[in-house]
Amino acid sequence: MSEEQATTEAQAAAPVKGHIKQMGILDLRSAKAPEDLAGITQIEQVGVVLIPEHLTTALANIPMKEVGSIAAIPQGDNVQLQLGQVRLSGEALAAGDSETILILVGQTFITSPVKQVGYKSVRVMGQLFAPRGSEAALSAKVSVEGQNFFLPEGARLFMGEDTLNKQFLELLPQPTPLIVMGQLTFTDDIPVELLQSKVPEIVLMGQICAPQALIPLLQVITVEKMGTISTCEGENGEKAEK
């Protein structure tokens, strides 16, 4: 059993009474009727609540605070649920069962272009990242409750905290788009011309820290922005005090 599976099962087995708090996933799919939720007094600091579709009204009557999202799961044998950070190829989506509803909760990365979707339907609750050129095939059967991003081919993904310097850019074999989901720092030894030649575009969902000389170019090449671009100082790119 994987660590993710063990975590999910442990969370699914959590008591459904009292004040439930500080959980990544609260799995209430075992509930059959509103009475099964009657013992819950409050839900707080929970990333995702999984609830049978027919019980969403009953769930709405429970006080909730700092809940990331609510995933309403349809009932039936032909529902496939995947949680967390999920990676699927375009080929895997094409080979999906035509009688199955695929539900993806969290961050979903489609790793190759999508030409068709074999599943009956696909529901994404969270963030969907797919290659450009997949828009038409996905729109036919995929619904997204959250954000969807269509990314350039060959992009590099940065999560967490990373630092890029002049040598890194010089070693890139070809111009490479960047996807920033954490905090990415550009050091002050990077010439504007080098950055412009090696990074054609950026998709930003986190933070970029860079010397003032690079800020205008970074703003231009950041084609999708759901984060911040701020100045840095010092040789190693430490963040400036504001």
C-alpha atoms as a PDB file:
ATOM      1  CA  MET A   1       0.000   0.000   0.000  1.00  0.00           C
ATOM      2  CA  SER A   2       1.325   3.409  -0.954  1.00  0.00           C
ATOM      3  CA  GLU A   3       1.745   6.217   1.556  1.00  0.00           C
ATOM      4  CA  GLU A   4      -0.986   8.189  -0.226  1.00  0.00           C
ATOM      5  CA  GLN A   5      -3.390   5.240  -0.081  1.00  0.00           C
ATOM      6  CA  ALA A   6      -2.651   4.691   3.610  1.00  0.00           C
ATOM      7  CA  THR A   7      -3.225   8.359   4.365  1.00  0.00           C
ATOM      8  CA  THR A   8      -6.476   8.405   2.426  1.00  0.00           C
ATOM      9  CA  GLU A   9      -7.766   5.293   4.189  1.00  0.00           C
ATOM     10  CA  ALA A  10      -6.836   6.693   7.585  1.00  0.00           C
ATOM     11  CA  GLN A  11      -8.683   9.901   6.818  1.00  0.00           C
ATOM     12  CA  ALA A  12     -11.670   8.000   5.464  1.00  0.00           C
ATOM     13  CA  ALA A  13     -11.870   6.101   8.769  1.00  0.00           C
ATOM     14  CA  ALA A  14     -12.005   9.326  10.793  1.00  0.00           C
ATOM     15  CA  PRO A  15     -15.019   9.641  13.132  1.00  0.00           C
ATOM     16  CA  VAL A  16     -18.014  11.445  11.618  1.00  0.00           C
ATOM     17  CA  LYS A  17     -19.077  13.009  14.899  1.00  0.00           C
ATOM     18  CA  GLY A  18     -18.117  16.127  16.758  1.00  0.00           C
ATOM     19  CA  HIS A  19     -15.802  18.918  15.601  1.00  0.00           C
ATOM     20  CA  ILE A  20     -13.702  17.629  12.709  1.00  0.00           C
ATOM     21  CA  LYS A  21     -10.591  19.689  11.930  1.00  0.00           C
ATOM     22  CA  GLN A  22      -7.122  19.760  10.404  1.00  0.00           C
ATOM     23  CA  MET A  23      -7.469  17.072   7.745  1.00  0.00           C
ATOM     24  CA  GLY A  24      -6.257  17.017   4.176  1.00  0.00           C
ATOM     25  CA  ILE A  25      -9.197  14.899   2.993  1.00  0.00           C
ATOM     26  CA  LEU A  26     -12.424  14.266   4.885  1.00  0.00           C
ATOM     27  CA  ASP A  27     -14.066  11.253   3.275  1.00  0.00           C
ATOM     28  CA  LEU A  28     -17.809  11.084   3.995  1.00  0.00           C
ATOM     29  CA  ARG A  29     -18.688   8.787   1.100  1.00  0.00           C
ATOM     30  CA  SER A  30     -19.868   6.077   3.508  1.00  0.00           C
ATOM     31  CA  ALA A  31     -22.804   8.272   4.562  1.00  0.00           C
ATOM     32  CA  LYS A  32     -26.111   7.056   3.116  1.00  0.00           C
ATOM     33  CA  ALA A  33     -28.645   9.501   4.560  1.00  0.00           C
ATOM     34  CA  PRO A  34     -28.664  12.967   6.176  1.00  0.00           C
ATOM     35  CA  GLU A  35     -28.922  11.291   9.568  1.00  0.00           C
ATOM     36  CA  ASP A  36     -25.418   9.894   9.086  1.00  0.00           C
ATOM     37  CA  LEU A  37     -24.070  13.454   9.181  1.00  0.00           C
ATOM     38  CA  ALA A  38     -26.170  14.612  12.121  1.00  0.00           C
ATOM     39  CA  GLY A  39     -23.393  14.042  14.655  1.00  0.00           C
ATOM     40  CA  ILE A  40     -20.941  16.447  12.971  1.00  0.00           C
ATOM     41  CA  THR A  41     -21.000  19.799  14.784  1.00  0.00           C
ATOM     42  CA  GLN A  42     -18.380  21.636  12.690  1.00  0.00           C
ATOM     43  CA  ILE A  43     -15.827  21.084   9.925  1.00  0.00           C
ATOM     44  CA  GLU A  44     -12.703  23.246  10.079  1.00  0.00           C
ATOM     45  CA  GLN A  45      -9.344  23.462   8.278  1.00  0.00           C
ATOM     46  CA  VAL A  46     -10.040  20.672   5.806  1.00  0.00           C
ATOM     47  CA  GLY A  47      -8.589  20.624   2.293  1.00  0.00           C
ATOM     48  CA  VAL A  48     -11.283  18.584   0.530  1.00  0.00           C
ATOM     49  CA  VAL A  49     -14.582  17.123   1.717  1.00  0.00           C
ATOM     50  CA  LEU A  50     -15.779  14.086  -0.244  1.00  0.00           C
ATOM     51  CA  ILE A  51     -19.557  13.726  -0.003  1.00  0.00           C
ATOM     52  CA  PRO A  52     -22.166  11.669  -1.884  1.00  0.00           C
ATOM     53  CA  GLU A  53     -23.894  13.904  -4.404  1.00  0.00           C
ATOM     54  CA  HIS A  54     -27.335  13.467  -2.854  1.00  0.00           C
ATOM     55  CA  LEU A  55     -26.094  14.661   0.563  1.00  0.00           C
ATOM     56  CA  THR A  56     -24.657  18.030  -0.440  1.00  0.00           C
ATOM     57  CA  THR A  57     -27.699  19.859   0.983  1.00  0.00           C
ATOM     58  CA  ALA A  58     -27.286  18.095   4.337  1.00  0.00           C
ATOM     59  CA  LEU A  59     -23.587  18.972   4.354  1.00  0.00           C
ATOM     60  CA  ALA A  60     -24.399  22.634   3.728  1.00  0.00           C
ATOM     61  CA  ASN A  61     -26.247  22.713   7.067  1.00  0.00           C
ATOM     62  CA  ILE A  62     -23.020  21.916   8.954  1.00  0.00           C
ATOM     63  CA  PRO A  63     -20.937  24.939  10.026  1.00  0.00           C
ATOM     64  CA  MET A  64     -17.690  25.001   8.048  1.00  0.00           C
ATOM     65  CA  LYS A  65     -14.589  27.156   8.322  1.00  0.00           C
ATOM     66  CA  GLU A  66     -11.454  27.160   6.143  1.00  0.00           C
ATOM     67  CA  VAL A  67     -12.600  24.323   3.899  1.00  0.00           C
ATOM     68  CA  GLY A  68     -10.794  24.245   0.568  1.00  0.00           C
ATOM     69  CA  SER A  69     -13.381  22.511  -1.616  1.00  0.00           C
ATOM     70  CA  ILE A  70     -16.326  20.128  -1.560  1.00  0.00           C
ATOM     71  CA  ALA A  71     -16.308  17.229  -4.006  1.00  0.00           C
ATOM     72  CA  ALA A  72     -19.796  15.841  -4.681  1.00  0.00           C
ATOM     73  CA  ILE A  73     -19.360  12.214  -5.737  1.00  0.00           C
ATOM     74  CA  PRO A  74     -22.112  10.573  -7.825  1.00  0.00           C
ATOM     75  CA  GLN A  75     -23.255   7.193  -6.605  1.00  0.00           C
ATOM     76  CA  GLY A  76     -22.825   3.997  -8.609  1.00  0.00           C
ATOM     77  CA  ASP A  77     -20.332   1.314  -9.485  1.00  0.00           C
ATOM     78  CA  ASN A  78     -18.954   3.132 -12.526  1.00  0.00           C
ATOM     79  CA  VAL A  79     -17.217   5.956 -10.687  1.00  0.00           C
ATOM     80  CA  GLN A  80     -13.425   6.084 -10.519  1.00  0.00           C
ATOM     81  CA  LEU A  81     -11.914   8.498  -7.994  1.00  0.00           C
ATOM     82  CA  GLN A  82      -8.285   9.669  -7.869  1.00  0.00           C
ATOM     83  CA  LEU A  83      -6.949  12.049  -5.229  1.00  0.00           C
ATOM     84  CA  GLY A  84      -3.907  14.282  -4.795  1.00  0.00           C
ATOM     85  CA  GLN A  85      -1.373  14.970  -7.526  1.00  0.00           C
ATOM     86  CA  VAL A  86      -2.404  12.810 -10.460  1.00  0.00           C
ATOM     87  CA  ARG A  87      -0.477  12.356 -13.715  1.00  0.00           C
ATOM     88  CA  LEU A  88      -2.280  10.974 -16.749  1.00  0.00           C
ATOM     89  CA  SER A  89      -1.214  10.718 -20.363  1.00  0.00           C
ATOM     90  CA  GLY A  90      -3.438  11.725 -23.231  1.00  0.00           C
ATOM     91  CA  GLU A  91      -3.422   8.079 -24.265  1.00  0.00           C
ATOM     92  CA  ALA A  92      -4.749   7.006 -20.849  1.00  0.00           C
ATOM     93  CA  LEU A  93      -7.684   9.406 -21.160  1.00  0.00           C
ATOM     94  CA  ALA A  94      -8.430   8.123 -24.652  1.00  0.00           C
ATOM     95  CA  ALA A  95      -8.460   4.525 -23.391  1.00  0.00           C
ATOM     96  CA  GLY A  96     -10.925   5.264 -20.567  1.00  0.00           C
ATOM     97  CA  ASP A  97     -14.062   3.152 -20.133  1.00  0.00           C
ATOM     98  CA  SER A  98     -17.037   4.745 -21.902  1.00  0.00           C
ATOM     99  CA  GLU A  99     -19.336   3.739 -19.006  1.00  0.00           C
ATOM    100  CA  THR A 100     -17.114   5.208 -16.258  1.00  0.00           C
ATOM    101  CA  ILE A 101     -17.115   8.682 -14.714  1.00  0.00           C
ATOM    102  CA  LEU A 102     -13.575   9.710 -13.737  1.00  0.00           C
ATOM    103  CA  ILE A 103     -13.323  12.142 -10.832  1.00  0.00           C
ATOM    104  CA  LEU A 104      -9.980  13.823 -10.127  1.00  0.00           C
ATOM    105  CA  VAL A 105      -9.594  15.762  -6.868  1.00  0.00           C
ATOM    106  CA  GLY A 106      -6.463  17.874  -6.402  1.00  0.00           C
ATOM    107  CA  GLN A 107      -3.899  18.714  -9.064  1.00  0.00           C
ATOM    108  CA  THR A 108      -4.147  16.846 -12.355  1.00  0.00           C
ATOM    109  CA  PHE A 109      -1.278  16.909 -14.853  1.00  0.00           C
ATOM    110  CA  ILE A 110      -1.934  15.660 -18.389  1.00  0.00           C
ATOM    111  CA  THR A 111       1.509  14.723 -19.670  1.00  0.00           C
ATOM    112  CA  SER A 112       0.837  14.446 -23.424  1.00  0.00           C
ATOM    113  CA  PRO A 113      -1.629  15.992 -25.899  1.00  0.00           C
ATOM    114  CA  VAL A 114      -5.230  14.792 -25.645  1.00  0.00           C
ATOM    115  CA  LYS A 115      -6.939  13.819 -28.885  1.00  0.00           C
ATOM    116  CA  GLN A 116     -10.034  12.215 -27.388  1.00  0.00           C
ATOM    117  CA  VAL A 117     -11.525  11.218 -24.032  1.00  0.00           C
ATOM    118  CA  GLY A 118     -12.841   7.682 -23.741  1.00  0.00           C
ATOM    119  CA  TYR A 119     -14.515   8.088 -20.339  1.00  0.00           C
ATOM    120  CA  LYS A 120     -18.226   8.856 -20.105  1.00  0.00           C
ATOM    121  CA  SER A 121     -17.203  12.114 -18.436  1.00  0.00           C
ATOM    122  CA  VAL A 122     -14.331  13.533 -16.401  1.00  0.00           C
ATOM    123  CA  ARG A 123     -14.769  15.889 -13.454  1.00  0.00           C
ATOM    124  CA  VAL A 124     -11.762  17.792 -12.170  1.00  0.00           C
ATOM    125  CA  MET A 125     -12.077  19.405  -8.741  1.00  0.00           C
ATOM    126  CA  GLY A 126      -8.969  21.490  -8.297  1.00  0.00           C
ATOM    127  CA  GLN A 127      -6.400  22.407 -10.925  1.00  0.00           C
ATOM    128  CA  LEU A 128      -6.006  20.886 -14.370  1.00  0.00           C
ATOM    129  CA  PHE A 129      -2.765  21.275 -16.335  1.00  0.00           C
ATOM    130  CA  ALA A 130      -2.814  20.068 -19.927  1.00  0.00           C
ATOM    131  CA  PRO A 131      -0.729  20.605 -23.073  1.00  0.00           C
ATOM    132  CA  ARG A 132      -1.896  23.237 -25.515  1.00  0.00           C
ATOM    133  CA  GLY A 133      -3.792  21.730 -28.386  1.00  0.00           C
ATOM    134  CA  SER A 134      -5.882  19.585 -26.016  1.00  0.00           C
ATOM    135  CA  GLU A 135      -8.610  22.196 -25.505  1.00  0.00           C
ATOM    136  CA  ALA A 136     -11.126  20.840 -28.029  1.00  0.00           C
ATOM    137  CA  ALA A 137     -10.897  17.193 -26.921  1.00  0.00           C
ATOM    138  CA  LEU A 138     -11.103  18.054 -23.226  1.00  0.00           C
ATOM    139  CA  SER A 139     -13.987  20.500 -23.514  1.00  0.00           C
ATOM    140  CA  ALA A 140     -16.226  17.761 -24.930  1.00  0.00           C
ATOM    141  CA  LYS A 141     -16.235  15.627 -21.770  1.00  0.00           C
ATOM    142  CA  VAL A 142     -14.237  17.365 -19.046  1.00  0.00           C
ATOM    143  CA  SER A 143     -15.671  19.792 -16.492  1.00  0.00           C
ATOM    144  CA  VAL A 144     -13.420  21.711 -14.098  1.00  0.00           C
ATOM    145  CA  GLU A 145     -14.388  23.115 -10.715  1.00  0.00           C
ATOM    146  CA  GLY A 146     -11.301  25.221 -10.126  1.00  0.00           C
ATOM    147  CA  GLN A 147      -8.655  26.393 -12.580  1.00  0.00           C
ATOM    148  CA  ASN A 148      -7.441  24.938 -15.849  1.00  0.00           C
ATOM    149  CA  PHE A 149      -4.156  25.815 -17.535  1.00  0.00           C
ATOM    150  CA  PHE A 150      -3.068  24.877 -21.041  1.00  0.00           C
ATOM    151  CA  LEU A 151       0.706  24.725 -21.066  1.00  0.00           C
ATOM    152  CA  PRO A 152       3.398  25.002 -23.737  1.00  0.00           C
ATOM    153  CA  GLU A 153       5.139  21.840 -24.854  1.00  0.00           C
ATOM    154  CA  GLY A 154       8.395  20.974 -23.103  1.00  0.00           C
ATOM    155  CA  ALA A 155       7.793  23.188 -20.057  1.00  0.00           C
ATOM    156  CA  ARG A 156       9.681  22.621 -16.794  1.00  0.00           C
ATOM    157  CA  LEU A 157       7.729  22.548 -13.539  1.00  0.00           C
ATOM    158  CA  PHE A 158       9.063  24.139 -10.334  1.00  0.00           C
ATOM    159  CA  MET A 159       7.362  23.355  -7.027  1.00  0.00           C
ATOM    160  CA  GLY A 160       8.636  24.290  -3.586  1.00  0.00           C
ATOM    161  CA  GLU A 161      11.591  26.684  -3.393  1.00  0.00           C
ATOM    162  CA  ASP A 162      14.229  26.817  -6.137  1.00  0.00           C
ATOM    163  CA  THR A 163      16.950  29.181  -7.335  1.00  0.00           C
ATOM    164  CA  LEU A 164      18.075  29.635 -10.943  1.00  0.00           C
ATOM    165  CA  ASN A 165      21.405  31.212 -11.816  1.00  0.00           C
ATOM    166  CA  LYS A 166      23.290  32.130 -14.979  1.00  0.00           C
ATOM    167  CA  GLN A 167      24.943  28.721 -15.285  1.00  0.00           C
ATOM    168  CA  PHE A 168      21.595  26.909 -15.181  1.00  0.00           C
ATOM    169  CA  LEU A 169      20.245  28.983 -18.061  1.00  0.00           C
ATOM    170  CA  GLU A 170      23.444  28.559 -20.076  1.00  0.00           C
ATOM    171  CA  LEU A 171      23.181  24.765 -19.694  1.00  0.00           C
ATOM    172  CA  LEU A 172      19.618  24.598 -20.994  1.00  0.00           C
ATOM    173  CA  PRO A 173      19.914  22.872 -24.392  1.00  0.00           C
ATOM    174  CA  GLN A 174      17.021  24.858 -25.863  1.00  0.00           C
ATOM    175  CA  PRO A 175      14.545  27.601 -24.942  1.00  0.00           C
ATOM    176  CA  THR A 176      12.318  26.204 -22.200  1.00  0.00           C
ATOM    177  CA  PRO A 177       9.019  27.546 -20.796  1.00  0.00           C
ATOM    178  CA  LEU A 178       8.727  27.521 -16.995  1.00  0.00           C
ATOM    179  CA  ILE A 179       5.776  26.656 -14.765  1.00  0.00           C
ATOM    180  CA  VAL A 180       6.223  28.092 -11.261  1.00  0.00           C
ATOM    181  CA  MET A 181       4.008  26.699  -8.503  1.00  0.00           C
ATOM    182  CA  GLY A 182       6.244  27.481  -5.541  1.00  0.00           C
ATOM    183  CA  GLN A 183       8.854  30.187  -5.044  1.00  0.00           C
ATOM    184  CA  LEU A 184      11.455  30.635  -7.758  1.00  0.00           C
ATOM    185  CA  THR A 185      14.413  32.997  -7.332  1.00  0.00           C
ATOM    186  CA  PHE A 186      16.528  34.362 -10.204  1.00  0.00           C
ATOM    187  CA  THR A 187      20.020  35.400  -9.107  1.00  0.00           C
ATOM    188  CA  ASP A 188      21.560  38.762 -10.028  1.00  0.00           C
ATOM    189  CA  ASP A 189      24.249  37.257 -12.310  1.00  0.00           C
ATOM    190  CA  ILE A 190      21.654  36.591 -15.041  1.00  0.00           C
ATOM    191  CA  PRO A 191      21.819  39.001 -18.006  1.00  0.00           C
ATOM    192  CA  VAL A 192      18.507  40.128 -19.462  1.00  0.00           C
ATOM    193  CA  GLU A 193      19.553  38.844 -22.900  1.00  0.00           C
ATOM    194  CA  LEU A 194      20.248  35.349 -21.564  1.00  0.00           C
ATOM    195  CA  LEU A 195      16.899  35.103 -19.790  1.00  0.00           C
ATOM    196  CA  GLN A 196      15.113  36.319 -22.898  1.00  0.00           C
ATOM    197  CA  SER A 197      16.824  33.752 -25.119  1.00  0.00           C
ATOM    198  CA  LYS A 198      16.323  30.746 -22.813  1.00  0.00           C
ATOM    199  CA  VAL A 199      12.879  31.333 -21.257  1.00  0.00           C
ATOM    200  CA  PRO A 200      10.229  32.165 -23.871  1.00  0.00           C
ATOM    201  CA  GLU A 201       7.341  32.215 -21.385  1.00  0.00           C
ATOM    202  CA  ILE A 202       6.326  31.585 -17.781  1.00  0.00           C
ATOM    203  CA  VAL A 203       3.100  30.325 -16.220  1.00  0.00           C
ATOM    204  CA  LEU A 204       3.068  31.617 -12.640  1.00  0.00           C
ATOM    205  CA  MET A 205       0.980  30.219  -9.785  1.00  0.00           C
ATOM    206  CA  GLY A 206       3.402  31.049  -7.006  1.00  0.00           C
ATOM    207  CA  GLN A 207       6.111  33.634  -6.416  1.00  0.00           C
ATOM    208  CA  ILE A 208       9.047  34.864  -8.453  1.00  0.00           C
ATOM    209  CA  CYS A 209      11.867  36.785  -6.794  1.00  0.00           C
ATOM    210  CA  ALA A 210      14.354  38.515  -9.120  1.00  0.00           C
ATOM    211  CA  PRO A 211      16.724  41.480  -9.406  1.00  0.00           C
ATOM    212  CA  GLN A 212      15.076  44.724 -10.498  1.00  0.00           C
ATOM    213  CA  ALA A 213      16.808  44.556 -13.892  1.00  0.00           C
ATOM    214  CA  LEU A 214      14.906  41.349 -14.750  1.00  0.00           C
ATOM    215  CA  ILE A 215      11.470  42.414 -13.489  1.00  0.00           C
ATOM    216  CA  PRO A 216      10.172  44.075 -16.710  1.00  0.00           C
ATOM    217  CA  LEU A 217      11.128  41.086 -18.859  1.00  0.00           C
ATOM    218  CA  LEU A 218       9.642  38.621 -16.359  1.00  0.00           C
ATOM    219  CA  GLN A 219       6.396  40.575 -16.411  1.00  0.00           C
ATOM    220  CA  VAL A 220       6.311  40.410 -20.204  1.00  0.00           C
ATOM    221  CA  ILE A 221       7.043  36.691 -20.551  1.00  0.00           C
ATOM    222  CA  THR A 222       4.698  35.660 -17.721  1.00  0.00           C
ATOM    223  CA  VAL A 223       1.713  34.936 -19.949  1.00  0.00           C
ATOM    224  CA  GLU A 224      -0.497  33.519 -17.170  1.00  0.00           C
ATOM    225  CA  LYS A 225      -0.152  34.987 -13.690  1.00  0.00           C
ATOM    226  CA  MET A 226      -1.807  33.886 -10.450  1.00  0.00           C
ATOM    227  CA  GLY A 227       0.980  34.934  -8.106  1.00  0.00           C
ATOM    228  CA  THR A 228       3.528  37.671  -7.505  1.00  0.00           C
ATOM    229  CA  ILE A 229       6.755  38.927  -9.059  1.00  0.00           C
ATOM    230  CA  SER A 230       8.934  40.837  -6.593  1.00  0.00           C
ATOM    231  CA  THR A 231      12.450  42.218  -6.371  1.00  0.00           C
ATOM    232  CA  CYS A 232      15.398  40.553  -4.682  1.00  0.00           C
ATOM    233  CA  GLU A 233      18.718  41.747  -3.375  1.00  0.00           C
ATOM    234  CA  GLY A 234      22.104  40.257  -2.703  1.00  0.00           C
ATOM    235  CA  GLU A 235      24.315  37.883  -4.619  1.00  0.00           C
ATOM    236  CA  ASN A 236      22.268  34.831  -3.778  1.00  0.00           C
ATOM    237  CA  GLY A 237      18.925  36.407  -4.556  1.00  0.00           C
ATOM    238  CA  GLU A 238      17.672  36.948  -1.004  1.00  0.00           C
ATOM    239  CA  LYS A 239      14.297  38.611  -0.878  1.00  0.00           C
ATOM    240  CA  ALA A 240      14.324  42.350  -0.368  1.00  0.00           C
ATOM    241  CA  GLU A 241      12.884  43.767   2.809  1.00  0.00           C
ATOM    242  CA  LYS A 242       9.627  45.665   2.234  1.00  0.00           C
END
